[in-house]
């Protein structure tokens, strides 16, 4: 039982503008069923056509947008703050990550948000000549390694999420996720996220009969979006932004 649960209806546009100098995608943990309608406000420097695709991995637990599920094209005039409503009119077969993918177009600029949250991540496709061929891993044939594109988050303090509106809201952060035994995002966020305006988030565990508990294991998001980079590369902050900094564990009688 949780004091609150975050249903993502909108990510506020309070971050730096993001020109589409390369392809960008917002990863969203989608539930089975109809994909939400996506809203976003874009700035356009000259008349152009913006292409937006809904992608997913070729396996529910993969995080590379290999499969295009739907594609929409938007002819756009010059102007700032143009509201787009992106209705992919397609269904997701099972819970899995979807990529709302904006194809490269330097004439278009997207809004971003400073809100960082467990299970939400923006990624871009860029060329890394040391490890890829035009943004892809192309291994020699016959060695058992897949060919795939590199869609990577930018390093903080960059890498803001895209400022989207979702209808209906994204419901992916239920309290039940805290006890499913999975400690990082897979085909779902696998985390409880309280409402951002909850001043004192509380999670209550109850059993139908008394239990003997030997230990309690608490798992917080210690930067699962950038595995192993904390010590290898360093970050602009000493504390991971999504990691809980303060908590209190109480028993049923309210004792710490």
C-alpha atoms as a PDB file:
ATOM      1  CA  UNK A   1       0.000   0.000   0.000  1.00  0.00           C
ATOM      2  CA  UNK A   2       1.487   3.346  -1.073  1.00  0.00           C
ATOM      3  CA  UNK A   3       0.662   6.870   0.037  1.00  0.00           C
ATOM      4  CA  UNK A   4       0.796   7.912  -3.636  1.00  0.00           C
ATOM      5  CA  UNK A   5       1.653   6.582  -7.057  1.00  0.00           C
ATOM      6  CA  UNK A   6       2.888   8.583 -10.037  1.00  0.00           C
ATOM      7  CA  UNK A   7       0.659   8.518 -13.111  1.00  0.00           C
ATOM      8  CA  UNK A   8       2.644  10.362 -15.765  1.00  0.00           C
ATOM      9  CA  UNK A   9       0.295  12.795 -17.500  1.00  0.00           C
ATOM     10  CA  UNK A  10       2.855  15.449 -18.448  1.00  0.00           C
ATOM     11  CA  UNK A  11       6.581  16.130 -18.191  1.00  0.00           C
ATOM     12  CA  UNK A  12       6.842  19.927 -17.754  1.00  0.00           C
ATOM     13  CA  UNK A  13       8.815  21.851 -20.380  1.00  0.00           C
ATOM     14  CA  UNK A  14      11.381  23.461 -18.079  1.00  0.00           C
ATOM     15  CA  UNK A  15      14.655  22.220 -19.609  1.00  0.00           C
ATOM     16  CA  UNK A  16      16.899  23.368 -22.466  1.00  0.00           C
ATOM     17  CA  UNK A  17      15.618  23.188 -26.048  1.00  0.00           C
ATOM     18  CA  UNK A  18      16.808  20.130 -28.009  1.00  0.00           C
ATOM     19  CA  UNK A  19      17.503  20.651 -31.753  1.00  0.00           C
ATOM     20  CA  UNK A  20      17.008  17.490 -33.802  1.00  0.00           C
ATOM     21  CA  UNK A  21      20.567  17.468 -35.101  1.00  0.00           C
ATOM     22  CA  UNK A  22      20.358  13.693 -34.650  1.00  0.00           C
ATOM     23  CA  UNK A  23      17.514  11.245 -33.983  1.00  0.00           C
ATOM     24  CA  UNK A  24      16.038  11.405 -30.490  1.00  0.00           C
ATOM     25  CA  UNK A  25      13.669   9.065 -28.667  1.00  0.00           C
ATOM     26  CA  UNK A  26      11.891   9.061 -25.329  1.00  0.00           C
ATOM     27  CA  UNK A  27      11.731   5.632 -23.699  1.00  0.00           C
ATOM     28  CA  UNK A  28       8.396   4.966 -21.992  1.00  0.00           C
ATOM     29  CA  UNK A  29       7.378   1.859 -19.997  1.00  0.00           C
ATOM     30  CA  UNK A  30       4.102   1.041 -21.767  1.00  0.00           C
ATOM     31  CA  UNK A  31       1.343  -1.235 -20.552  1.00  0.00           C
ATOM     32  CA  UNK A  32      -0.383  -3.773 -22.787  1.00  0.00           C
ATOM     33  CA  UNK A  33      -3.153  -2.192 -24.849  1.00  0.00           C
ATOM     34  CA  UNK A  34      -3.609   1.052 -26.759  1.00  0.00           C
ATOM     35  CA  UNK A  35      -0.610   3.395 -26.822  1.00  0.00           C
ATOM     36  CA  UNK A  36      -1.331   6.799 -25.238  1.00  0.00           C
ATOM     37  CA  UNK A  37      -1.740   9.842 -27.462  1.00  0.00           C
ATOM     38  CA  UNK A  38       1.472  11.883 -27.216  1.00  0.00           C
ATOM     39  CA  UNK A  39       1.507  15.677 -27.129  1.00  0.00           C
ATOM     40  CA  UNK A  40       4.564  17.883 -27.629  1.00  0.00           C
ATOM     41  CA  UNK A  41       5.220  21.547 -28.557  1.00  0.00           C
ATOM     42  CA  UNK A  42       7.898  22.066 -31.222  1.00  0.00           C
ATOM     43  CA  UNK A  43       9.754  25.069 -32.666  1.00  0.00           C
ATOM     44  CA  UNK A  44      10.224  25.125 -36.437  1.00  0.00           C
ATOM     45  CA  UNK A  45      12.856  27.296 -38.182  1.00  0.00           C
ATOM     46  CA  UNK A  46      11.648  26.745 -41.770  1.00  0.00           C
ATOM     47  CA  UNK A  47       8.821  24.810 -43.462  1.00  0.00           C
ATOM     48  CA  UNK A  48       9.560  21.101 -43.147  1.00  0.00           C
ATOM     49  CA  UNK A  49       8.114  17.666 -42.394  1.00  0.00           C
ATOM     50  CA  UNK A  50       8.739  16.017 -39.043  1.00  0.00           C
ATOM     51  CA  UNK A  51       8.703  12.216 -38.945  1.00  0.00           C
ATOM     52  CA  UNK A  52       7.795  10.505 -35.664  1.00  0.00           C
ATOM     53  CA  UNK A  53       7.882   6.734 -35.172  1.00  0.00           C
ATOM     54  CA  UNK A  54       6.823   4.405 -32.401  1.00  0.00           C
ATOM     55  CA  UNK A  55       9.474   1.728 -32.004  1.00  0.00           C
ATOM     56  CA  UNK A  56      10.238  -1.142 -29.693  1.00  0.00           C
ATOM     57  CA  UNK A  57      12.834  -3.873 -29.303  1.00  0.00           C
ATOM     58  CA  UNK A  58      12.721  -7.199 -31.127  1.00  0.00           C
ATOM     59  CA  UNK A  59      12.398  -8.855 -27.695  1.00  0.00           C
ATOM     60  CA  UNK A  60      10.361  -7.518 -24.726  1.00  0.00           C
ATOM     61  CA  UNK A  61      13.501  -7.134 -22.591  1.00  0.00           C
ATOM     62  CA  UNK A  62      15.631  -5.453 -25.283  1.00  0.00           C
ATOM     63  CA  UNK A  63      16.298  -1.720 -25.135  1.00  0.00           C
ATOM     64  CA  UNK A  64      17.209  -1.020 -28.764  1.00  0.00           C
ATOM     65  CA  UNK A  65      14.415   0.356 -31.021  1.00  0.00           C
ATOM     66  CA  UNK A  66      14.720  -2.240 -33.794  1.00  0.00           C
ATOM     67  CA  UNK A  67      11.034  -2.625 -34.716  1.00  0.00           C
ATOM     68  CA  UNK A  68       8.897   0.218 -36.135  1.00  0.00           C
ATOM     69  CA  UNK A  69       5.285  -0.199 -34.979  1.00  0.00           C
ATOM     70  CA  UNK A  70       3.835   3.027 -36.420  1.00  0.00           C
ATOM     71  CA  UNK A  71       4.959   6.120 -38.328  1.00  0.00           C
ATOM     72  CA  UNK A  72       3.460   9.603 -38.544  1.00  0.00           C
ATOM     73  CA  UNK A  73       4.510  12.575 -40.707  1.00  0.00           C
ATOM     74  CA  UNK A  74       3.690  16.179 -39.774  1.00  0.00           C
ATOM     75  CA  UNK A  75       4.033  18.991 -42.369  1.00  0.00           C
ATOM     76  CA  UNK A  76       5.032  22.026 -40.296  1.00  0.00           C
ATOM     77  CA  UNK A  77       5.119  25.764 -41.060  1.00  0.00           C
ATOM     78  CA  UNK A  78       7.562  28.203 -39.482  1.00  0.00           C
ATOM     79  CA  UNK A  79       6.764  29.040 -35.889  1.00  0.00           C
ATOM     80  CA  UNK A  80       7.437  28.432 -32.213  1.00  0.00           C
ATOM     81  CA  UNK A  81       5.439  26.341 -29.790  1.00  0.00           C
ATOM     82  CA  UNK A  82       3.460  24.361 -32.354  1.00  0.00           C
ATOM     83  CA  UNK A  83       1.362  21.751 -30.563  1.00  0.00           C
ATOM     84  CA  UNK A  84       1.497  18.274 -32.060  1.00  0.00           C
ATOM     85  CA  UNK A  85      -0.838  15.433 -31.117  1.00  0.00           C
ATOM     86  CA  UNK A  86       0.728  12.101 -32.063  1.00  0.00           C
ATOM     87  CA  UNK A  87      -1.807   9.287 -32.171  1.00  0.00           C
ATOM     88  CA  UNK A  88      -0.112   6.082 -33.271  1.00  0.00           C
ATOM     89  CA  UNK A  89      -3.462   4.196 -33.142  1.00  0.00           C
ATOM     90  CA  UNK A  90      -1.742   0.916 -32.337  1.00  0.00           C
ATOM     91  CA  UNK A  91      -1.702  -1.542 -29.461  1.00  0.00           C
ATOM     92  CA  UNK A  92       1.156  -3.022 -27.444  1.00  0.00           C
ATOM     93  CA  UNK A  93       0.981  -6.804 -27.057  1.00  0.00           C
ATOM     94  CA  UNK A  94       2.536  -6.947 -23.568  1.00  0.00           C
ATOM     95  CA  UNK A  95       4.225  -4.599 -21.086  1.00  0.00           C
ATOM     96  CA  UNK A  96       7.425  -3.377 -22.728  1.00  0.00           C
ATOM     97  CA  UNK A  97       9.405  -0.223 -23.424  1.00  0.00           C
ATOM     98  CA  UNK A  98       8.293   1.886 -26.350  1.00  0.00           C
ATOM     99  CA  UNK A  99      10.444   4.516 -28.048  1.00  0.00           C
ATOM    100  CA  UNK A 100       8.686   7.705 -29.195  1.00  0.00           C
ATOM    101  CA  UNK A 101      11.245   8.420 -31.905  1.00  0.00           C
ATOM    102  CA  UNK A 102      11.784  11.801 -33.582  1.00  0.00           C
ATOM    103  CA  UNK A 103      13.846  11.384 -36.735  1.00  0.00           C
ATOM    104  CA  UNK A 104      16.702  13.775 -37.467  1.00  0.00           C
ATOM    105  CA  UNK A 105      15.585  17.201 -38.678  1.00  0.00           C
ATOM    106  CA  UNK A 106      17.792  20.210 -37.816  1.00  0.00           C
ATOM    107  CA  UNK A 107      14.910  22.600 -38.581  1.00  0.00           C
ATOM    108  CA  UNK A 108      12.919  21.303 -35.587  1.00  0.00           C
ATOM    109  CA  UNK A 109      13.626  21.869 -31.884  1.00  0.00           C
ATOM    110  CA  UNK A 110      12.023  19.819 -29.091  1.00  0.00           C
ATOM    111  CA  UNK A 111      11.329  20.925 -25.504  1.00  0.00           C
ATOM    112  CA  UNK A 112      12.854  19.035 -22.592  1.00  0.00           C
ATOM    113  CA  UNK A 113      12.145  18.737 -18.883  1.00  0.00           C
ATOM    114  CA  UNK A 114      14.467  18.900 -15.900  1.00  0.00           C
ATOM    115  CA  UNK A 115      12.426  16.183 -14.200  1.00  0.00           C
ATOM    116  CA  UNK A 116      14.437  12.987 -13.946  1.00  0.00           C
ATOM    117  CA  UNK A 117      12.645   9.851 -12.840  1.00  0.00           C
ATOM    118  CA  UNK A 118      13.415   6.185 -12.404  1.00  0.00           C
ATOM    119  CA  UNK A 119      12.355   4.248 -15.506  1.00  0.00           C
ATOM    120  CA  UNK A 120      12.202   7.224 -17.907  1.00  0.00           C
ATOM    121  CA  UNK A 121      15.086   7.952 -20.259  1.00  0.00           C
ATOM    122  CA  UNK A 122      15.758   9.958 -23.421  1.00  0.00           C
ATOM    123  CA  UNK A 123      18.240   8.477 -25.895  1.00  0.00           C
ATOM    124  CA  UNK A 124      19.780   9.615 -29.163  1.00  0.00           C
ATOM    125  CA  UNK A 125      21.342   7.851 -32.116  1.00  0.00           C
ATOM    126  CA  UNK A 126      24.785   9.236 -32.786  1.00  0.00           C
ATOM    127  CA  UNK A 127      27.910   8.071 -34.492  1.00  0.00           C
ATOM    128  CA  UNK A 128      30.791   6.714 -32.433  1.00  0.00           C
ATOM    129  CA  UNK A 129      33.573   5.771 -34.828  1.00  0.00           C
ATOM    130  CA  UNK A 130      35.431   3.847 -32.112  1.00  0.00           C
ATOM    131  CA  UNK A 131      32.707   1.257 -31.656  1.00  0.00           C
ATOM    132  CA  UNK A 132      30.208   1.651 -34.480  1.00  0.00           C
ATOM    133  CA  UNK A 133      29.625   2.143 -38.170  1.00  0.00           C
ATOM    134  CA  UNK A 134      27.348   5.162 -38.621  1.00  0.00           C
ATOM    135  CA  UNK A 135      25.623   4.570 -35.303  1.00  0.00           C
ATOM    136  CA  UNK A 136      25.431   0.778 -35.587  1.00  0.00           C
ATOM    137  CA  UNK A 137      27.341  -2.230 -34.386  1.00  0.00           C
ATOM    138  CA  UNK A 138      28.132  -4.293 -37.485  1.00  0.00           C
ATOM    139  CA  UNK A 139      30.006  -7.434 -36.355  1.00  0.00           C
ATOM    140  CA  UNK A 140      31.728  -9.828 -38.742  1.00  0.00           C
ATOM    141  CA  UNK A 141      29.424 -12.603 -39.941  1.00  0.00           C
ATOM    142  CA  UNK A 142      29.363 -15.915 -38.120  1.00  0.00           C
ATOM    143  CA  UNK A 143      30.566 -14.813 -34.669  1.00  0.00           C
ATOM    144  CA  UNK A 144      27.154 -14.958 -32.973  1.00  0.00           C
ATOM    145  CA  UNK A 145      26.876 -11.235 -32.214  1.00  0.00           C
ATOM    146  CA  UNK A 146      23.778  -9.304 -33.263  1.00  0.00           C
ATOM    147  CA  UNK A 147      23.781  -6.214 -35.424  1.00  0.00           C
ATOM    148  CA  UNK A 148      22.098  -3.304 -33.637  1.00  0.00           C
ATOM    149  CA  UNK A 149      21.961   0.483 -33.528  1.00  0.00           C
ATOM    150  CA  UNK A 150      23.452   2.553 -30.716  1.00  0.00           C
ATOM    151  CA  UNK A 151      20.779   4.635 -28.982  1.00  0.00           C
ATOM    152  CA  UNK A 152      22.444   6.144 -25.926  1.00  0.00           C
ATOM    153  CA  UNK A 153      21.566   8.643 -23.188  1.00  0.00           C
ATOM    154  CA  UNK A 154      23.682  11.761 -22.988  1.00  0.00           C
ATOM    155  CA  UNK A 155      25.831  12.174 -19.947  1.00  0.00           C
ATOM    156  CA  UNK A 156      24.615  14.405 -17.158  1.00  0.00           C
ATOM    157  CA  UNK A 157      24.163  17.308 -16.801  1.00  0.00           C
ATOM    158  CA  UNK A 158      22.697  16.754 -20.305  1.00  0.00           C
ATOM    159  CA  UNK A 159      20.344  13.935 -21.217  1.00  0.00           C
ATOM    160  CA  UNK A 160      17.082  15.565 -20.119  1.00  0.00           C
ATOM    161  CA  UNK A 161      13.819  13.769 -20.863  1.00  0.00           C
ATOM    162  CA  UNK A 162      11.601  15.128 -23.623  1.00  0.00           C
ATOM    163  CA  UNK A 163       8.661  17.229 -22.421  1.00  0.00           C
ATOM    164  CA  UNK A 164       5.669  15.121 -23.430  1.00  0.00           C
ATOM    165  CA  UNK A 165       1.980  15.016 -22.560  1.00  0.00           C
ATOM    166  CA  UNK A 166       0.294  11.604 -22.375  1.00  0.00           C
ATOM    167  CA  UNK A 167      -3.393  10.787 -22.693  1.00  0.00           C
ATOM    168  CA  UNK A 168      -4.262   8.615 -20.871  1.00  0.00           C
ATOM    169  CA  UNK A 169      -1.529   9.047 -18.253  1.00  0.00           C
ATOM    170  CA  UNK A 170       1.215   6.448 -18.046  1.00  0.00           C
ATOM    171  CA  UNK A 171       0.563   4.055 -15.161  1.00  0.00           C
ATOM    172  CA  UNK A 172       3.798   2.110 -14.681  1.00  0.00           C
ATOM    173  CA  UNK A 173       5.018   2.779 -11.145  1.00  0.00           C
ATOM    174  CA  UNK A 174       2.654   0.893  -8.829  1.00  0.00           C
ATOM    175  CA  UNK A 175       3.592  -0.037  -5.275  1.00  0.00           C
ATOM    176  CA  UNK A 176       3.460  -3.733  -6.214  1.00  0.00           C
ATOM    177  CA  UNK A 177       6.616  -3.190  -8.266  1.00  0.00           C
ATOM    178  CA  UNK A 178       8.571  -2.832  -5.036  1.00  0.00           C
ATOM    179  CA  UNK A 179       8.105  -6.513  -4.202  1.00  0.00           C
ATOM    180  CA  UNK A 180       8.375  -8.179  -7.630  1.00  0.00           C
ATOM    181  CA  UNK A 181      12.006  -9.190  -7.002  1.00  0.00           C
ATOM    182  CA  UNK A 182      13.468  -7.326 -10.019  1.00  0.00           C
ATOM    183  CA  UNK A 183      15.934  -4.573  -9.200  1.00  0.00           C
ATOM    184  CA  UNK A 184      16.269  -2.668 -12.495  1.00  0.00           C
ATOM    185  CA  UNK A 185      14.244  -1.816 -15.621  1.00  0.00           C
ATOM    186  CA  UNK A 186      13.570  -4.752 -17.962  1.00  0.00           C
ATOM    187  CA  UNK A 187      10.333  -4.811 -19.956  1.00  0.00           C
ATOM    188  CA  UNK A 188       8.928  -2.562 -17.210  1.00  0.00           C
ATOM    189  CA  UNK A 189      10.285   0.049 -14.828  1.00  0.00           C
ATOM    190  CA  UNK A 190      10.114  -2.427 -11.889  1.00  0.00           C
ATOM    191  CA  UNK A 191      10.015   0.420  -9.405  1.00  0.00           C
ATOM    192  CA  UNK A 192       7.539   2.215  -7.224  1.00  0.00           C
ATOM    193  CA  UNK A 193       7.653   5.952  -7.907  1.00  0.00           C
ATOM    194  CA  UNK A 194       5.649   8.204  -5.613  1.00  0.00           C
ATOM    195  CA  UNK A 195       3.866  11.277  -6.930  1.00  0.00           C
ATOM    196  CA  UNK A 196       6.407  14.119  -7.251  1.00  0.00           C
ATOM    197  CA  UNK A 197       4.229  16.379  -5.081  1.00  0.00           C
ATOM    198  CA  UNK A 198       4.014  13.842  -2.224  1.00  0.00           C
ATOM    199  CA  UNK A 199       5.915  15.520   0.658  1.00  0.00           C
ATOM    200  CA  UNK A 200       6.343  12.277   2.609  1.00  0.00           C
ATOM    201  CA  UNK A 201       6.026   9.154   0.446  1.00  0.00           C
ATOM    202  CA  UNK A 202       5.155   6.048   2.462  1.00  0.00           C
ATOM    203  CA  UNK A 203       5.118   2.378   1.507  1.00  0.00           C
ATOM    204  CA  UNK A 204       3.299  -0.012   3.857  1.00  0.00           C
ATOM    205  CA  UNK A 205       3.800  -3.803   3.781  1.00  0.00           C
ATOM    206  CA  UNK A 206       1.124  -6.060   5.286  1.00  0.00           C
ATOM    207  CA  UNK A 207       0.653  -9.833   5.559  1.00  0.00           C
ATOM    208  CA  UNK A 208      -2.544 -11.792   6.311  1.00  0.00           C
ATOM    209  CA  UNK A 209      -0.866 -13.480   9.274  1.00  0.00           C
ATOM    210  CA  UNK A 210       2.252 -12.871  11.449  1.00  0.00           C
ATOM    211  CA  UNK A 211       5.613 -13.436   9.751  1.00  0.00           C
ATOM    212  CA  UNK A 212       9.147 -14.071  11.005  1.00  0.00           C
ATOM    213  CA  UNK A 213      11.365 -11.713   9.012  1.00  0.00           C
ATOM    214  CA  UNK A 214      15.095 -12.246   9.097  1.00  0.00           C
ATOM    215  CA  UNK A 215      16.139  -9.293   6.961  1.00  0.00           C
ATOM    216  CA  UNK A 216      14.773  -6.531   4.737  1.00  0.00           C
ATOM    217  CA  UNK A 217      16.505  -5.641   1.450  1.00  0.00           C
ATOM    218  CA  UNK A 218      15.844  -2.149   0.072  1.00  0.00           C
ATOM    219  CA  UNK A 219      16.866  -1.395  -3.520  1.00  0.00           C
ATOM    220  CA  UNK A 220      17.011   2.180  -4.804  1.00  0.00           C
ATOM    221  CA  UNK A 221      17.894   3.488  -8.264  1.00  0.00           C
ATOM    222  CA  UNK A 222      21.661   3.989  -8.069  1.00  0.00           C
ATOM    223  CA  UNK A 223      21.968   5.125 -11.684  1.00  0.00           C
ATOM    224  CA  UNK A 224      20.769   2.081 -13.617  1.00  0.00           C
ATOM    225  CA  UNK A 225      20.590   4.238 -16.768  1.00  0.00           C
ATOM    226  CA  UNK A 226      24.396   4.585 -16.837  1.00  0.00           C
ATOM    227  CA  UNK A 227      25.731   1.264 -15.523  1.00  0.00           C
ATOM    228  CA  UNK A 228      29.301   1.347 -14.165  1.00  0.00           C
ATOM    229  CA  UNK A 229      29.925   4.922 -15.322  1.00  0.00           C
ATOM    230  CA  UNK A 230      29.829   6.384 -11.840  1.00  0.00           C
ATOM    231  CA  UNK A 231      33.362   5.256 -11.035  1.00  0.00           C
ATOM    232  CA  UNK A 232      34.722   4.994 -14.572  1.00  0.00           C
ATOM    233  CA  UNK A 233      33.742   8.431 -15.837  1.00  0.00           C
ATOM    234  CA  UNK A 234      32.521  10.503 -12.926  1.00  0.00           C
ATOM    235  CA  UNK A 235      29.439  12.699 -12.816  1.00  0.00           C
ATOM    236  CA  UNK A 236      28.674  16.361 -12.061  1.00  0.00           C
ATOM    237  CA  UNK A 237      27.040  15.330  -8.769  1.00  0.00           C
ATOM    238  CA  UNK A 238      28.123  13.073  -5.923  1.00  0.00           C
ATOM    239  CA  UNK A 239      24.639  11.645  -5.314  1.00  0.00           C
ATOM    240  CA  UNK A 240      22.723   9.814  -8.013  1.00  0.00           C
ATOM    241  CA  UNK A 241      19.634  11.932  -8.787  1.00  0.00           C
ATOM    242  CA  UNK A 242      17.093   9.073  -8.531  1.00  0.00           C
ATOM    243  CA  UNK A 243      18.485   7.438  -5.402  1.00  0.00           C
ATOM    244  CA  UNK A 244      16.504   7.849  -2.174  1.00  0.00           C
ATOM    245  CA  UNK A 245      18.572   9.938   0.251  1.00  0.00           C
ATOM    246  CA  UNK A 246      16.573   9.529   3.449  1.00  0.00           C
ATOM    247  CA  UNK A 247      14.228   6.813   4.668  1.00  0.00           C
ATOM    248  CA  UNK A 248      12.852   5.298   7.872  1.00  0.00           C
ATOM    249  CA  UNK A 249      11.861   1.654   8.327  1.00  0.00           C
ATOM    250  CA  UNK A 250       9.126   1.053  10.918  1.00  0.00           C
ATOM    251  CA  UNK A 251       7.458  -2.083  12.245  1.00  0.00           C
ATOM    252  CA  UNK A 252       3.719  -2.528  12.657  1.00  0.00           C
ATOM    253  CA  UNK A 253       3.788  -0.747  16.035  1.00  0.00           C
ATOM    254  CA  UNK A 254       5.573   2.298  14.610  1.00  0.00           C
ATOM    255  CA  UNK A 255       8.995   1.457  16.087  1.00  0.00           C
ATOM    256  CA  UNK A 256      12.074   2.375  14.009  1.00  0.00           C
END
